Amino acid sequence: MLVRKLKECQEFVAEDTALLRELLNPLKEKLELGYSFAVARVTSGNKTAVHALTYSEVYYIIKGSGVMHVGDEAQTVEPDTIIYIPPHAKQFIENTGKTELEFICIVDPAWRPECEKEV
């Protein structure tokens, strides 16, 4: 069993400019997982860089509100919203609310630097 607290994970600026805390990544430690799991934050009025991953990704909105852009589509998101992002899709999320936008990110297979590119 592995138990980890979010606040104990180091926060860093991700490739897409979100503030990120990676909780699980089998490429960084011995875990029998096929995916990585992180929590991201975007401050009010900001957005992530337009980017694409070669892997599939899922976002689950924890708090805040914003607009998720995937390809040519845009959708308002709020807590308890889940978003599937297919591989190679151009994407970004913008925080249109007055509070921080916080969401879970699951990347499958597990995220690695070479799977992401700014577009």
PDB file of N, CA and C in Angstrom:
ATOM      1  N   MET A   1       0.847  -1.179   0.000  1.00  0.00           N
ATOM      2  CA  MET A   1       0.000   0.000   0.000  1.00  0.00           C
ATOM      3  C   MET A   1       0.889   1.238   0.000  1.00  0.00           C
ATOM      4  N   LEU A   2       0.426   2.247  -0.702  1.00  0.00           N
ATOM      5  CA  LEU A   2       1.095   3.544  -0.722  1.00  0.00           C
ATOM      6  C   LEU A   2       0.062   4.593  -0.354  1.00  0.00           C
ATOM      7  N   VAL A   3       0.387   5.424   0.617  1.00  0.00           N
ATOM      8  CA  VAL A   3      -0.489   6.521   1.031  1.00  0.00           C
ATOM      9  C   VAL A   3       0.311   7.804   0.925  1.00  0.00           C
ATOM     10  N   ARG A   4      -0.270   8.792   0.284  1.00  0.00           N
ATOM     11  CA  ARG A   4       0.445  10.053   0.069  1.00  0.00           C
ATOM     12  C   ARG A   4      -0.545  11.203   0.211  1.00  0.00           C
ATOM     13  N   LYS A   5      -0.091  12.303   0.804  1.00  0.00           N
ATOM     14  CA  LYS A   5      -0.931  13.500   0.941  1.00  0.00           C
ATOM     15  C   LYS A   5      -0.532  14.523  -0.111  1.00  0.00           C
ATOM     16  N   LEU A   6      -1.522  15.156  -0.697  1.00  0.00           N
ATOM     17  CA  LEU A   6      -1.287  16.136  -1.752  1.00  0.00           C
ATOM     18  C   LEU A   6      -0.313  17.216  -1.312  1.00  0.00           C
ATOM     19  N   LYS A   7      -0.508  17.760  -0.121  1.00  0.00           N
ATOM     20  CA  LYS A   7       0.336  18.869   0.347  1.00  0.00           C
ATOM     21  C   LYS A   7       1.794  18.450   0.555  1.00  0.00           C
ATOM     22  N   GLU A   8       2.059  17.153   0.632  1.00  0.00           N
ATOM     23  CA  GLU A   8       3.429  16.667   0.793  1.00  0.00           C
ATOM     24  C   GLU A   8       4.158  16.505  -0.544  1.00  0.00           C
ATOM     25  N   CYS A   9       3.431  16.623  -1.652  1.00  0.00           N
ATOM     26  CA  CYS A   9       4.038  16.511  -2.984  1.00  0.00           C
ATOM     27  C   CYS A   9       4.497  17.892  -3.434  1.00  0.00           C
ATOM     28  N   GLN A  10       5.679  17.955  -3.986  1.00  0.00           N
ATOM     29  CA  GLN A  10       6.248  19.232  -4.416  1.00  0.00           C
ATOM     30  C   GLN A  10       5.458  19.808  -5.584  1.00  0.00           C
ATOM     31  N   GLU A  11       5.126  21.087  -5.480  1.00  0.00           N
ATOM     32  CA  GLU A  11       4.435  21.767  -6.574  1.00  0.00           C
ATOM     33  C   GLU A  11       5.460  22.373  -7.520  1.00  0.00           C
ATOM     34  N   PHE A  12       5.178  22.289  -8.818  1.00  0.00           N
ATOM     35  CA  PHE A  12       6.076  22.863  -9.827  1.00  0.00           C
ATOM     36  C   PHE A  12       5.237  23.390 -10.983  1.00  0.00           C
ATOM     37  N   VAL A  13       5.858  24.194 -11.818  1.00  0.00           N
ATOM     38  CA  VAL A  13       5.182  24.704 -13.009  1.00  0.00           C
ATOM     39  C   VAL A  13       5.333  23.655 -14.105  1.00  0.00           C
ATOM     40  N   ALA A  14       4.206  23.148 -14.578  1.00  0.00           N
ATOM     41  CA  ALA A  14       4.209  22.091 -15.591  1.00  0.00           C
ATOM     42  C   ALA A  14       4.546  22.651 -16.966  1.00  0.00           C
ATOM     43  N   GLU A  15       4.772  21.747 -17.910  1.00  0.00           N
ATOM     44  CA  GLU A  15       5.073  22.127 -19.294  1.00  0.00           C
ATOM     45  C   GLU A  15       4.013  23.068 -19.864  1.00  0.00           C
ATOM     46  N   ASP A  16       2.744  22.871 -19.463  1.00  0.00           N
ATOM     47  CA  ASP A  16       1.654  23.700 -19.990  1.00  0.00           C
ATOM     48  C   ASP A  16       1.397  24.958 -19.162  1.00  0.00           C
ATOM     49  N   THR A  17       2.232  25.226 -18.169  1.00  0.00           N
ATOM     50  CA  THR A  17       2.214  26.391 -17.261  1.00  0.00           C
ATOM     51  C   THR A  17       1.246  26.270 -16.087  1.00  0.00           C
ATOM     52  N   ALA A  18       0.535  25.153 -15.950  1.00  0.00           N
ATOM     53  CA  ALA A  18      -0.297  24.939 -14.764  1.00  0.00           C
ATOM     54  C   ALA A  18       0.616  24.673 -13.568  1.00  0.00           C
ATOM     55  N   LEU A  19       0.117  24.944 -12.381  1.00  0.00           N
ATOM     56  CA  LEU A  19       0.821  24.570 -11.153  1.00  0.00           C
ATOM     57  C   LEU A  19       0.417  23.133 -10.857  1.00  0.00           C
ATOM     58  N   LEU A  20       1.382  22.244 -10.718  1.00  0.00           N
ATOM     59  CA  LEU A  20       1.093  20.815 -10.682  1.00  0.00           C
ATOM     60  C   LEU A  20       1.755  20.135  -9.497  1.00  0.00           C
ATOM     61  N   ARG A  21       1.047  19.175  -8.935  1.00  0.00           N
ATOM     62  CA  ARG A  21       1.597  18.268  -7.924  1.00  0.00           C
ATOM     63  C   ARG A  21       1.339  16.854  -8.431  1.00  0.00           C
ATOM     64  N   GLU A  22       2.395  16.162  -8.775  1.00  0.00           N
ATOM     65  CA  GLU A  22       2.266  14.794  -9.275  1.00  0.00           C
ATOM     66  C   GLU A  22       2.278  13.842  -8.089  1.00  0.00           C
ATOM     67  N   LEU A  23       1.202  13.088  -7.933  1.00  0.00           N
ATOM     68  CA  LEU A  23       1.088  12.160  -6.816  1.00  0.00           C
ATOM     69  C   LEU A  23       1.591  10.766  -7.163  1.00  0.00           C
ATOM     70  N   LEU A  24       1.330  10.332  -8.396  1.00  0.00           N
ATOM     71  CA  LEU A  24       1.742   8.992  -8.814  1.00  0.00           C
ATOM     72  C   LEU A  24       2.256   9.027 -10.243  1.00  0.00           C
ATOM     73  N   ASN A  25       3.426   8.458 -10.455  1.00  0.00           N
ATOM     74  CA  ASN A  25       3.950   8.269 -11.802  1.00  0.00           C
ATOM     75  C   ASN A  25       4.863   7.046 -11.767  1.00  0.00           C
ATOM     76  N   PRO A  26       4.450   5.941 -12.401  1.00  0.00           N
ATOM     77  CA  PRO A  26       5.242   4.715 -12.347  1.00  0.00           C
ATOM     78  C   PRO A  26       6.605   4.827 -13.022  1.00  0.00           C
ATOM     79  N   LEU A  27       6.836   5.898 -13.766  1.00  0.00           N
ATOM     80  CA  LEU A  27       8.150   6.101 -14.374  1.00  0.00           C
ATOM     81  C   LEU A  27       9.135   6.719 -13.387  1.00  0.00           C
ATOM     82  N   LYS A  28       8.621   7.225 -12.262  1.00  0.00           N
ATOM     83  CA  LYS A  28       9.474   7.875 -11.266  1.00  0.00           C
ATOM     84  C   LYS A  28       9.644   7.054  -9.995  1.00  0.00           C
ATOM     85  N   GLU A  29       8.825   6.035  -9.831  1.00  0.00           N
ATOM     86  CA  GLU A  29       8.933   5.156  -8.666  1.00  0.00           C
ATOM     87  C   GLU A  29       8.311   3.811  -9.015  1.00  0.00           C
ATOM     88  N   LYS A  30       8.616   2.819  -8.213  1.00  0.00           N
ATOM     89  CA  LYS A  30       8.149   1.467  -8.511  1.00  0.00           C
ATOM     90  C   LYS A  30       6.669   1.328  -8.143  1.00  0.00           C
ATOM     91  N   LEU A  31       5.832   1.418  -9.171  1.00  0.00           N
ATOM     92  CA  LEU A  31       4.384   1.267  -9.018  1.00  0.00           C
ATOM     93  C   LEU A  31       3.870   0.422 -10.181  1.00  0.00           C
ATOM     94  N   GLU A  32       2.947  -0.450  -9.916  1.00  0.00           N
ATOM     95  CA  GLU A  32       2.348  -1.251 -10.984  1.00  0.00           C
ATOM     96  C   GLU A  32       1.121  -0.523 -11.516  1.00  0.00           C
ATOM     97  N   LEU A  33       1.377   0.577 -12.214  1.00  0.00           N
ATOM     98  CA  LEU A  33       0.336   1.422 -12.800  1.00  0.00           C
ATOM     99  C   LEU A  33       0.666   1.674 -14.254  1.00  0.00           C
ATOM    100  N   GLY A  34      -0.352   1.910 -15.050  1.00  0.00           N
ATOM    101  CA  GLY A  34      -0.123   2.271 -16.433  1.00  0.00           C
ATOM    102  C   GLY A  34      -0.327   3.751 -16.691  1.00  0.00           C
ATOM    103  N   TYR A  35      -0.703   4.504 -15.659  1.00  0.00           N
ATOM    104  CA  TYR A  35      -1.032   5.916 -15.816  1.00  0.00           C
ATOM    105  C   TYR A  35      -0.328   6.757 -14.760  1.00  0.00           C
ATOM    106  N   SER A  36      -0.340   8.068 -14.970  1.00  0.00           N
ATOM    107  CA  SER A  36       0.136   9.000 -13.942  1.00  0.00           C
ATOM    108  C   SER A  36      -1.062   9.793 -13.427  1.00  0.00           C
ATOM    109  N   PHE A  37      -0.945  10.277 -12.193  1.00  0.00           N
ATOM    110  CA  PHE A  37      -2.044  10.964 -11.508  1.00  0.00           C
ATOM    111  C   PHE A  37      -1.489  12.220 -10.859  1.00  0.00           C
ATOM    112  N   ALA A  38      -2.087  13.364 -11.175  1.00  0.00           N
ATOM    113  CA  ALA A  38      -1.616  14.639 -10.634  1.00  0.00           C
ATOM    114  C   ALA A  38      -2.805  15.546 -10.345  1.00  0.00           C
ATOM    115  N   VAL A  39      -2.549  16.590  -9.567  1.00  0.00           N
ATOM    116  CA  VAL A  39      -3.535  17.640  -9.325  1.00  0.00           C
ATOM    117  C   VAL A  39      -2.932  18.942  -9.817  1.00  0.00           C
ATOM    118  N   ALA A  40      -3.708  19.653 -10.637  1.00  0.00           N
ATOM    119  CA  ALA A  40      -3.236  20.903 -11.240  1.00  0.00           C
ATOM    120  C   ALA A  40      -4.079  22.071 -10.755  1.00  0.00           C
ATOM    121  N   ARG A  41      -3.471  23.257 -10.803  1.00  0.00           N
ATOM    122  CA  ARG A  41      -4.161  24.499 -10.447  1.00  0.00           C
ATOM    123  C   ARG A  41      -3.873  25.548 -11.511  1.00  0.00           C
ATOM    124  N   VAL A  42      -4.896  26.333 -11.832  1.00  0.00           N
ATOM    125  CA  VAL A  42      -4.744  27.489 -12.711  1.00  0.00           C
ATOM    126  C   VAL A  42      -5.375  28.659 -11.973  1.00  0.00           C
ATOM    127  N   THR A  43      -4.609  29.717 -11.781  1.00  0.00           N
ATOM    128  CA  THR A  43      -5.110  30.868 -11.029  1.00  0.00           C
ATOM    129  C   THR A  43      -6.138  31.648 -11.847  1.00  0.00           C
ATOM    130  N   SER A  44      -6.947  32.425 -11.152  1.00  0.00           N
ATOM    131  CA  SER A  44      -8.022  33.199 -11.770  1.00  0.00           C
ATOM    132  C   SER A  44      -7.493  34.090 -12.890  1.00  0.00           C
ATOM    133  N   GLY A  45      -8.175  34.050 -14.032  1.00  0.00           N
ATOM    134  CA  GLY A  45      -7.797  34.882 -15.169  1.00  0.00           C
ATOM    135  C   GLY A  45      -6.687  34.322 -16.031  1.00  0.00           C
ATOM    136  N   ASN A  46      -6.144  33.179 -15.679  1.00  0.00           N
ATOM    137  CA  ASN A  46      -5.043  32.584 -16.447  1.00  0.00           C
ATOM    138  C   ASN A  46      -5.503  31.344 -17.199  1.00  0.00           C
ATOM    139  N   LYS A  47      -4.641  30.851 -18.088  1.00  0.00           N
ATOM    140  CA  LYS A  47      -4.925  29.643 -18.850  1.00  0.00           C
ATOM    141  C   LYS A  47      -3.628  28.893 -19.088  1.00  0.00           C
ATOM    142  N   THR A  48      -3.763  27.621 -19.400  1.00  0.00           N
ATOM    143  CA  THR A  48      -2.580  26.828 -19.722  1.00  0.00           C
ATOM    144  C   THR A  48      -2.157  27.129 -21.155  1.00  0.00           C
ATOM    145  N   ALA A  49      -0.935  26.770 -21.472  1.00  0.00           N
ATOM    146  CA  ALA A  49      -0.443  26.925 -22.843  1.00  0.00           C
ATOM    147  C   ALA A  49      -1.177  25.939 -23.750  1.00  0.00           C
ATOM    148  N   VAL A  50      -1.354  26.320 -24.996  1.00  0.00           N
ATOM    149  CA  VAL A  50      -1.945  25.401 -25.973  1.00  0.00           C
ATOM    150  C   VAL A  50      -0.917  24.297 -26.221  1.00  0.00           C
ATOM    151  N   HIS A  51      -1.336  23.059 -26.011  1.00  0.00           N
ATOM    152  CA  HIS A  51      -0.418  21.938 -26.114  1.00  0.00           C
ATOM    153  C   HIS A  51      -1.157  20.682 -26.557  1.00  0.00           C
ATOM    154  N   ALA A  52      -0.405  19.641 -26.844  1.00  0.00           N
ATOM    155  CA  ALA A  52      -0.970  18.343 -27.210  1.00  0.00           C
ATOM    156  C   ALA A  52      -0.103  17.253 -26.601  1.00  0.00           C
ATOM    157  N   LEU A  53      -0.744  16.177 -26.201  1.00  0.00           N
ATOM    158  CA  LEU A  53      -0.046  15.001 -25.692  1.00  0.00           C
ATOM    159  C   LEU A  53      -0.224  13.862 -26.688  1.00  0.00           C
ATOM    160  N   THR A  54       0.764  13.017 -26.789  1.00  0.00           N
ATOM    161  CA  THR A  54       0.627  11.834 -27.637  1.00  0.00           C
ATOM    162  C   THR A  54      -0.186  10.750 -26.936  1.00  0.00           C
ATOM    163  N   TYR A  55      -0.525  10.976 -25.680  1.00  0.00           N
ATOM    164  CA  TYR A  55      -1.296  10.031 -24.878  1.00  0.00           C
ATOM    165  C   TYR A  55      -2.683  10.595 -24.585  1.00  0.00           C
ATOM    166  N   SER A  56      -3.596   9.732 -24.141  1.00  0.00           N
ATOM    167  CA  SER A  56      -4.912  10.203 -23.714  1.00  0.00           C
ATOM    168  C   SER A  56      -4.796  10.814 -22.319  1.00  0.00           C
ATOM    169  N   GLU A  57      -5.715  11.716 -22.033  1.00  0.00           N
ATOM    170  CA  GLU A  57      -5.693  12.419 -20.752  1.00  0.00           C
ATOM    171  C   GLU A  57      -7.129  12.607 -20.272  1.00  0.00           C
ATOM    172  N   VAL A  58      -7.310  12.603 -18.958  1.00  0.00           N
ATOM    173  CA  VAL A  58      -8.608  12.858 -18.350  1.00  0.00           C
ATOM    174  C   VAL A  58      -8.427  13.942 -17.305  1.00  0.00           C
ATOM    175  N   TYR A  59      -9.317  14.937 -17.323  1.00  0.00           N
ATOM    176  CA  TYR A  59      -9.364  15.966 -16.283  1.00  0.00           C
ATOM    177  C   TYR A  59     -10.652  15.763 -15.496  1.00  0.00           C
ATOM    178  N   TYR A  60     -10.572  15.951 -14.178  1.00  0.00           N
ATOM    179  CA  TYR A  60     -11.758  15.956 -13.320  1.00  0.00           C
ATOM    180  C   TYR A  60     -11.696  17.234 -12.503  1.00  0.00           C
ATOM    181  N   ILE A  61     -12.680  18.104 -12.671  1.00  0.00           N
ATOM    182  CA  ILE A  61     -12.674  19.408 -12.016  1.00  0.00           C
ATOM    183  C   ILE A  61     -13.064  19.252 -10.549  1.00  0.00           C
ATOM    184  N   ILE A  62     -12.192  19.737  -9.662  1.00  0.00           N
ATOM    185  CA  ILE A  62     -12.428  19.680  -8.220  1.00  0.00           C
ATOM    186  C   ILE A  62     -13.092  20.962  -7.737  1.00  0.00           C
ATOM    187  N   LYS A  63     -12.525  22.114  -8.136  1.00  0.00           N
ATOM    188  CA  LYS A  63     -13.112  23.396  -7.722  1.00  0.00           C
ATOM    189  C   LYS A  63     -12.800  24.465  -8.755  1.00  0.00           C
ATOM    190  N   GLY A  64     -13.611  25.513  -8.731  1.00  0.00           N
ATOM    191  CA  GLY A  64     -13.449  26.611  -9.668  1.00  0.00           C
ATOM    192  C   GLY A  64     -14.261  26.380 -10.933  1.00  0.00           C
ATOM    193  N   SER A  65     -14.115  27.301 -11.874  1.00  0.00           N
ATOM    194  CA  SER A  65     -14.835  27.189 -13.145  1.00  0.00           C
ATOM    195  C   SER A  65     -13.967  27.723 -14.267  1.00  0.00           C
ATOM    196  N   GLY A  66     -14.272  27.267 -15.466  1.00  0.00           N
ATOM    197  CA  GLY A  66     -13.477  27.704 -16.598  1.00  0.00           C
ATOM    198  C   GLY A  66     -14.030  27.180 -17.899  1.00  0.00           C
ATOM    199  N   VAL A  67     -13.193  27.244 -18.919  1.00  0.00           N
ATOM    200  CA  VAL A  67     -13.553  26.738 -20.239  1.00  0.00           C
ATOM    201  C   VAL A  67     -12.445  25.799 -20.697  1.00  0.00           C
ATOM    202  N   MET A  68     -12.829  24.580 -21.071  1.00  0.00           N
ATOM    203  CA  MET A  68     -11.900  23.588 -21.598  1.00  0.00           C
ATOM    204  C   MET A  68     -11.965  23.638 -23.114  1.00  0.00           C
ATOM    205  N   HIS A  69     -10.809  23.737 -23.743  1.00  0.00           N
ATOM    206  CA  HIS A  69     -10.707  23.775 -25.202  1.00  0.00           C
ATOM    207  C   HIS A  69      -9.993  22.507 -25.664  1.00  0.00           C
ATOM    208  N   VAL A  70     -10.644  21.735 -26.521  1.00  0.00           N
ATOM    209  CA  VAL A  70     -10.047  20.531 -27.100  1.00  0.00           C
ATOM    210  C   VAL A  70     -10.350  20.559 -28.598  1.00  0.00           C
ATOM    211  N   GLY A  71      -9.302  20.634 -29.406  1.00  0.00           N
ATOM    212  CA  GLY A  71      -9.503  20.775 -30.844  1.00  0.00           C
ATOM    213  C   GLY A  71     -10.260  22.064 -31.122  1.00  0.00           C
ATOM    214  N   ASP A  72     -11.347  21.969 -31.878  1.00  0.00           N
ATOM    215  CA  ASP A  72     -12.173  23.135 -32.203  1.00  0.00           C
ATOM    216  C   ASP A  72     -13.353  23.299 -31.255  1.00  0.00           C
ATOM    217  N   GLU A  73     -13.425  22.473 -30.218  1.00  0.00           N
ATOM    218  CA  GLU A  73     -14.543  22.525 -29.277  1.00  0.00           C
ATOM    219  C   GLU A  73     -14.153  23.276 -28.009  1.00  0.00           C
ATOM    220  N   ALA A  74     -15.142  23.933 -27.395  1.00  0.00           N
ATOM    221  CA  ALA A  74     -14.955  24.600 -26.102  1.00  0.00           C
ATOM    222  C   ALA A  74     -16.174  24.295 -25.244  1.00  0.00           C
ATOM    223  N   GLN A  75     -15.931  24.008 -23.968  1.00  0.00           N
ATOM    224  CA  GLN A  75     -17.020  23.641 -23.066  1.00  0.00           C
ATOM    225  C   GLN A  75     -16.764  24.249 -21.695  1.00  0.00           C
ATOM    226  N   THR A  76     -17.790  24.856 -21.112  1.00  0.00           N
ATOM    227  CA  THR A  76     -17.699  25.369 -19.751  1.00  0.00           C
ATOM    228  C   THR A  76     -17.553  24.189 -18.795  1.00  0.00           C
ATOM    229  N   VAL A  77     -16.669  24.331 -17.807  1.00  0.00           N
ATOM    230  CA  VAL A  77     -16.451  23.268 -16.825  1.00  0.00           C
ATOM    231  C   VAL A  77     -16.572  23.833 -15.419  1.00  0.00           C
ATOM    232  N   GLU A  78     -16.998  22.990 -14.504  1.00  0.00           N
ATOM    233  CA  GLU A  78     -17.180  23.346 -13.095  1.00  0.00           C
ATOM    234  C   GLU A  78     -16.966  22.085 -12.268  1.00  0.00           C
ATOM    235  N   PRO A  79     -17.024  22.184 -10.939  1.00  0.00           N
ATOM    236  CA  PRO A  79     -16.796  20.994 -10.116  1.00  0.00           C
ATOM    237  C   PRO A  79     -17.682  19.814 -10.530  1.00  0.00           C
ATOM    238  N   ASP A  80     -17.113  18.640 -10.434  1.00  0.00           N
ATOM    239  CA  ASP A  80     -17.746  17.367 -10.776  1.00  0.00           C
ATOM    240  C   ASP A  80     -17.910  17.162 -12.278  1.00  0.00           C
ATOM    241  N   THR A  81     -17.129  17.896 -13.080  1.00  0.00           N
ATOM    242  CA  THR A  81     -17.107  17.707 -14.531  1.00  0.00           C
ATOM    243  C   THR A  81     -15.882  16.869 -14.886  1.00  0.00           C
ATOM    244  N   ILE A  82     -16.065  15.894 -15.766  1.00  0.00           N
ATOM    245  CA  ILE A  82     -14.941  15.093 -16.243  1.00  0.00           C
ATOM    246  C   ILE A  82     -14.770  15.342 -17.740  1.00  0.00           C
ATOM    247  N   ILE A  83     -13.523  15.416 -18.188  1.00  0.00           N
ATOM    248  CA  ILE A  83     -13.211  15.698 -19.584  1.00  0.00           C
ATOM    249  C   ILE A  83     -12.244  14.635 -20.087  1.00  0.00           C
ATOM    250  N   TYR A  84     -12.584  14.001 -21.197  1.00  0.00           N
ATOM    251  CA  TYR A  84     -11.670  13.073 -21.860  1.00  0.00           C
ATOM    252  C   TYR A  84     -11.002  13.829 -23.001  1.00  0.00           C
ATOM    253  N   ILE A  85      -9.681  13.764 -23.062  1.00  0.00           N
ATOM    254  CA  ILE A  85      -8.903  14.427 -24.103  1.00  0.00           C
ATOM    255  C   ILE A  85      -8.177  13.337 -24.890  1.00  0.00           C
ATOM    256  N   PRO A  86      -8.542  13.151 -26.165  1.00  0.00           N
ATOM    257  CA  PRO A  86      -7.902  12.085 -26.937  1.00  0.00           C
ATOM    258  C   PRO A  86      -6.442  12.396 -27.265  1.00  0.00           C
ATOM    259  N   PRO A  87      -5.662  11.370 -27.568  1.00  0.00           N
ATOM    260  CA  PRO A  87      -4.264  11.587 -27.948  1.00  0.00           C
ATOM    261  C   PRO A  87      -4.157  12.558 -29.127  1.00  0.00           C
ATOM    262  N   HIS A  88      -3.114  13.374 -29.112  1.00  0.00           N
ATOM    263  CA  HIS A  88      -2.763  14.321 -30.180  1.00  0.00           C
ATOM    264  C   HIS A  88      -3.714  15.509 -30.306  1.00  0.00           C
ATOM    265  N   ALA A  89      -4.696  15.645 -29.410  1.00  0.00           N
ATOM    266  CA  ALA A  89      -5.644  16.756 -29.505  1.00  0.00           C
ATOM    267  C   ALA A  89      -5.022  18.043 -28.967  1.00  0.00           C
ATOM    268  N   LYS A  90      -5.173  19.118 -29.713  1.00  0.00           N
ATOM    269  CA  LYS A  90      -4.742  20.440 -29.249  1.00  0.00           C
ATOM    270  C   LYS A  90      -5.670  20.820 -28.098  1.00  0.00           C
ATOM    271  N   GLN A  91      -5.095  21.272 -26.982  1.00  0.00           N
ATOM    272  CA  GLN A  91      -5.906  21.530 -25.798  1.00  0.00           C
ATOM    273  C   GLN A  91      -5.340  22.642 -24.934  1.00  0.00           C
ATOM    274  N   PHE A  92      -6.238  23.282 -24.191  1.00  0.00           N
ATOM    275  CA  PHE A  92      -5.859  24.168 -23.091  1.00  0.00           C
ATOM    276  C   PHE A  92      -7.092  24.412 -22.246  1.00  0.00           C
ATOM    277  N   ILE A  93      -6.874  24.823 -21.015  1.00  0.00           N
ATOM    278  CA  ILE A  93      -7.980  25.144 -20.114  1.00  0.00           C
ATOM    279  C   ILE A  93      -7.758  26.550 -19.586  1.00  0.00           C
ATOM    280  N   GLU A  94      -8.834  27.314 -19.524  1.00  0.00           N
ATOM    281  CA  GLU A  94      -8.729  28.677 -19.004  1.00  0.00           C
ATOM    282  C   GLU A  94      -9.629  28.835 -17.792  1.00  0.00           C
ATOM    283  N   ASN A  95      -9.124  29.556 -16.814  1.00  0.00           N
ATOM    284  CA  ASN A  95      -9.874  29.841 -15.604  1.00  0.00           C
ATOM    285  C   ASN A  95     -10.632  31.140 -15.824  1.00  0.00           C
ATOM    286  N   THR A  96     -11.946  31.043 -15.952  1.00  0.00           N
ATOM    287  CA  THR A  96     -12.786  32.215 -16.164  1.00  0.00           C
ATOM    288  C   THR A  96     -13.478  32.663 -14.883  1.00  0.00           C
ATOM    289  N   GLY A  97     -13.215  31.961 -13.795  1.00  0.00           N
ATOM    290  CA  GLY A  97     -13.854  32.277 -12.526  1.00  0.00           C
ATOM    291  C   GLY A  97     -13.048  33.252 -11.685  1.00  0.00           C
ATOM    292  N   LYS A  98     -13.571  33.550 -10.521  1.00  0.00           N
ATOM    293  CA  LYS A  98     -12.923  34.484  -9.591  1.00  0.00           C
ATOM    294  C   LYS A  98     -12.028  33.766  -8.585  1.00  0.00           C
ATOM    295  N   THR A  99     -12.107  32.431  -8.562  1.00  0.00           N
ATOM    296  CA  THR A  99     -11.278  31.639  -7.649  1.00  0.00           C
ATOM    297  C   THR A  99     -10.392  30.698  -8.462  1.00  0.00           C
ATOM    298  N   GLU A 100      -9.512  30.040  -7.773  1.00  0.00           N
ATOM    299  CA  GLU A 100      -8.595  29.098  -8.410  1.00  0.00           C
ATOM    300  C   GLU A 100      -9.358  27.931  -9.050  1.00  0.00           C
ATOM    301  N   LEU A 101      -8.886  27.476 -10.191  1.00  0.00           N
ATOM    302  CA  LEU A 101      -9.423  26.293 -10.862  1.00  0.00           C
ATOM    303  C   LEU A 101      -8.498  25.130 -10.516  1.00  0.00           C
ATOM    304  N   GLU A 102      -9.049  24.089  -9.919  1.00  0.00           N
ATOM    305  CA  GLU A 102      -8.248  22.935  -9.503  1.00  0.00           C
ATOM    306  C   GLU A 102      -8.849  21.674 -10.109  1.00  0.00           C
ATOM    307  N   PHE A 103      -7.980  20.802 -10.643  1.00  0.00           N
ATOM    308  CA  PHE A 103      -8.479  19.603 -11.301  1.00  0.00           C
ATOM    309  C   PHE A 103      -7.464  18.469 -11.226  1.00  0.00           C
ATOM    310  N   ILE A 104      -7.993  17.259 -11.287  1.00  0.00           N
ATOM    311  CA  ILE A 104      -7.181  16.048 -11.345  1.00  0.00           C
ATOM    312  C   ILE A 104      -6.803  15.802 -12.799  1.00  0.00           C
ATOM    313  N   CYS A 105      -5.565  15.360 -13.026  1.00  0.00           N
ATOM    314  CA  CYS A 105      -5.083  14.999 -14.370  1.00  0.00           C
ATOM    315  C   CYS A 105      -4.624  13.548 -14.339  1.00  0.00           C
ATOM    316  N   ILE A 106      -5.183  12.753 -15.209  1.00  0.00           N
ATOM    317  CA  ILE A 106      -4.747  11.370 -15.360  1.00  0.00           C
ATOM    318  C   ILE A 106      -4.255  11.211 -16.793  1.00  0.00           C
ATOM    319  N   VAL A 107      -3.023  10.763 -16.961  1.00  0.00           N
ATOM    320  CA  VAL A 107      -2.441  10.558 -18.289  1.00  0.00           C
ATOM    321  C   VAL A 107      -2.140   9.068 -18.444  1.00  0.00           C
ATOM    322  N   ASP A 108      -2.590   8.498 -19.578  1.00  0.00           N
ATOM    323  CA  ASP A 108      -2.414   7.071 -19.820  1.00  0.00           C
ATOM    324  C   ASP A 108      -1.942   6.843 -21.249  1.00  0.00           C
ATOM    325  N   PRO A 109      -0.750   6.210 -21.408  1.00  0.00           N
ATOM    326  CA  PRO A 109       0.191   5.764 -20.390  1.00  0.00           C
ATOM    327  C   PRO A 109       0.762   6.941 -19.596  1.00  0.00           C
ATOM    328  N   ALA A 110       1.520   6.624 -18.586  1.00  0.00           N
ATOM    329  CA  ALA A 110       2.044   7.635 -17.664  1.00  0.00           C
ATOM    330  C   ALA A 110       2.784   8.756 -18.392  1.00  0.00           C
ATOM    331  N   TRP A 111       2.560   9.983 -17.909  1.00  0.00           N
ATOM    332  CA  TRP A 111       3.168  11.167 -18.517  1.00  0.00           C
ATOM    333  C   TRP A 111       4.686  11.086 -18.472  1.00  0.00           C
ATOM    334  N   ARG A 112       5.282  11.509 -19.563  1.00  0.00           N
ATOM    335  CA  ARG A 112       6.734  11.691 -19.665  1.00  0.00           C
ATOM    336  C   ARG A 112       6.950  12.918 -20.538  1.00  0.00           C
ATOM    337  N   PRO A 113       8.065  13.631 -20.361  1.00  0.00           N
ATOM    338  CA  PRO A 113       8.276  14.895 -21.084  1.00  0.00           C
ATOM    339  C   PRO A 113       8.112  14.796 -22.596  1.00  0.00           C
ATOM    340  N   GLU A 114       8.584  13.720 -23.190  1.00  0.00           N
ATOM    341  CA  GLU A 114       8.529  13.616 -24.650  1.00  0.00           C
ATOM    342  C   GLU A 114       7.118  13.391 -25.204  1.00  0.00           C
ATOM    343  N   CYS A 115       6.129  13.162 -24.340  1.00  0.00           N
ATOM    344  CA  CYS A 115       4.756  12.964 -24.825  1.00  0.00           C
ATOM    345  C   CYS A 115       4.011  14.279 -24.999  1.00  0.00           C
ATOM    346  N   GLU A 116       4.608  15.386 -24.567  1.00  0.00           N
ATOM    347  CA  GLU A 116       3.915  16.676 -24.597  1.00  0.00           C
ATOM    348  C   GLU A 116       4.663  17.679 -25.458  1.00  0.00           C
ATOM    349  N   LYS A 117       3.890  18.434 -26.245  1.00  0.00           N
ATOM    350  CA  LYS A 117       4.506  19.498 -27.041  1.00  0.00           C
ATOM    351  C   LYS A 117       3.576  20.705 -27.077  1.00  0.00           C
ATOM    352  N   GLU A 118       4.171  21.882 -27.092  1.00  0.00           N
ATOM    353  CA  GLU A 118       3.407  23.116 -27.223  1.00  0.00           C
ATOM    354  C   GLU A 118       3.064  23.294 -28.694  1.00  0.00           C
ATOM    355  N   VAL A 119       1.823  23.716 -28.976  1.00  0.00           N
ATOM    356  CA  VAL A 119       1.402  23.908 -30.377  1.00  0.00           C
ATOM    357  C   VAL A 119       0.857  25.303 -30.610  1.00  0.00           C
TER     358      VAL A 119
END
